[in-house]
Protein backbone atom coordinates (compact mmCIF):
# COMPACT_ATOMS: atom_id res chain seq x y z
CA MET A 1 29.94 -103.96 193.84
CA ILE A 2 31.09 -100.28 192.04
CA ASP A 3 29.65 -99.40 189.31
CA TYR A 4 32.56 -98.00 187.31
CA ASN A 5 29.70 -96.51 184.31
CA ALA A 6 28.16 -95.07 186.70
CA LYS A 7 28.65 -91.54 185.99
CA LYS A 8 26.38 -91.27 182.85
CA LYS A 9 23.43 -93.86 184.18
CA ASN A 10 23.36 -92.13 187.47
CA ALA A 11 23.90 -88.28 187.10
CA LYS A 12 21.38 -87.62 189.35
CA SER A 13 22.64 -89.51 192.06
CA LYS A 14 25.29 -87.73 193.58
CA ASN A 15 25.39 -89.28 196.60
CA ASN A 16 25.33 -92.71 195.71
CA LEU A 17 28.63 -93.96 197.55
CA PHE A 18 28.39 -97.10 195.30
CA THR A 19 29.29 -95.25 192.04
CA VAL A 20 32.71 -93.09 190.47
CA ASP A 21 33.07 -89.47 190.17
CA ARG A 22 36.07 -88.84 189.70
CA LYS A 23 35.79 -84.63 190.47
CA ARG A 24 33.81 -85.70 193.37
CA ASP A 25 36.23 -88.35 194.83
CA GLN A 26 38.41 -85.70 194.75
CA ILE A 27 36.67 -83.79 197.38
CA ARG A 28 35.86 -87.18 199.01
CA PHE A 29 38.88 -88.90 199.92
CA SER A 30 41.60 -87.87 201.60
CA HIS A 31 44.61 -89.91 203.30
CA ARG A 32 46.71 -88.22 206.54
CA ASN A 33 48.80 -90.42 208.92
CA GLY A 34 48.45 -93.74 207.27
CA VAL A 35 44.59 -93.71 207.43
CA LEU A 36 42.48 -92.95 203.95
CA THR A 37 39.40 -91.39 204.88
CA ASP A 38 35.90 -91.78 202.80
CA SER A 39 34.02 -88.78 204.42
CA PHE A 40 31.02 -89.56 201.77
CA ALA A 41 30.70 -93.74 202.93
CA LYS A 42 32.20 -92.35 206.94
CA MET A 43 34.68 -94.93 206.56
CA GLN A 44 38.56 -95.33 207.44
CA TRP A 45 41.34 -97.70 206.75
CA GLN A 46 44.77 -98.12 207.11
CA ASP A 47 46.95 -97.32 204.34
CA ASN A 48 50.86 -97.19 205.06
CA SER A 49 53.82 -98.97 204.45
CA ASP A 50 52.16 -101.90 207.11
CA THR A 51 48.77 -102.46 204.93
CA LYS A 52 51.77 -103.88 201.99
CA LYS A 53 53.57 -106.18 203.95
CA ILE A 54 51.52 -107.25 206.27
CA THR A 55 49.94 -110.84 205.76
CA LYS A 56 47.56 -112.26 208.73
CA THR A 57 44.90 -114.60 208.85
CA TRP A 58 41.68 -113.88 209.87
CA ASN A 59 41.67 -114.24 213.54
CA GLY A 60 45.33 -113.33 213.53
CA ALA A 61 44.10 -109.65 211.28
CA LYS A 62 40.95 -109.22 214.12
CA GLU A 63 44.44 -109.76 217.02
CA TYR A 64 46.52 -106.67 215.03
CA CYS A 65 43.32 -104.57 215.01
CA SER A 66 42.45 -104.78 218.54
CA ASN A 67 46.00 -103.91 219.30
CA LEU A 68 46.23 -101.42 216.87
CA THR A 69 46.66 -97.47 217.44
CA LEU A 70 47.27 -95.41 214.36
CA ALA A 71 46.11 -92.05 213.56
CA THR A 72 45.42 -91.12 218.01
CA LYS A 73 42.16 -93.93 217.46
CA SER A 74 42.59 -97.20 219.04
CA ASP A 75 38.69 -98.88 217.81
CA TRP A 76 39.95 -99.89 214.60
CA ARG A 77 38.54 -103.19 213.37
CA LEU A 78 38.06 -105.36 210.20
CA PRO A 79 35.04 -104.41 207.92
CA ASP A 80 32.16 -106.19 207.53
CA LYS A 81 31.43 -107.96 203.81
CA GLU A 82 29.91 -105.35 202.29
CA GLU A 83 32.56 -102.83 203.93
CA LEU A 84 34.96 -105.01 202.45
CA SER A 85 33.94 -105.42 198.61
CA TYR A 86 33.44 -101.76 198.40
CA ILE A 87 36.67 -101.03 199.36
CA TYR A 88 38.78 -103.40 197.34
CA ASN A 89 35.91 -103.07 194.31
CA TYR A 90 37.28 -99.07 195.27
CA LYS A 91 41.09 -99.46 195.72
CA ASP A 92 41.55 -98.21 191.74
CA ASN A 93 40.54 -94.93 192.43
CA PHE A 94 42.95 -94.63 195.99
């Protein structure tokens, strides 16, 4: 889980991937060609109009990822449990 109050509590741990620091996050995240990149966590995920209109089962999503070519990459996969929790809990900061 991301601690939204961590800025005060964890002021010394600037590299903690699961804390929110809005100034740092302006540098941390970039959005280009339908891909959101988190340069600290070294993760990328699809973030374009398709993400708002596609609904899939888990197996359907796995198949979708295996066939996806986005931003010249074709090795997309679903996030693991920890990554998914991280993305979900951090979504309001994008």
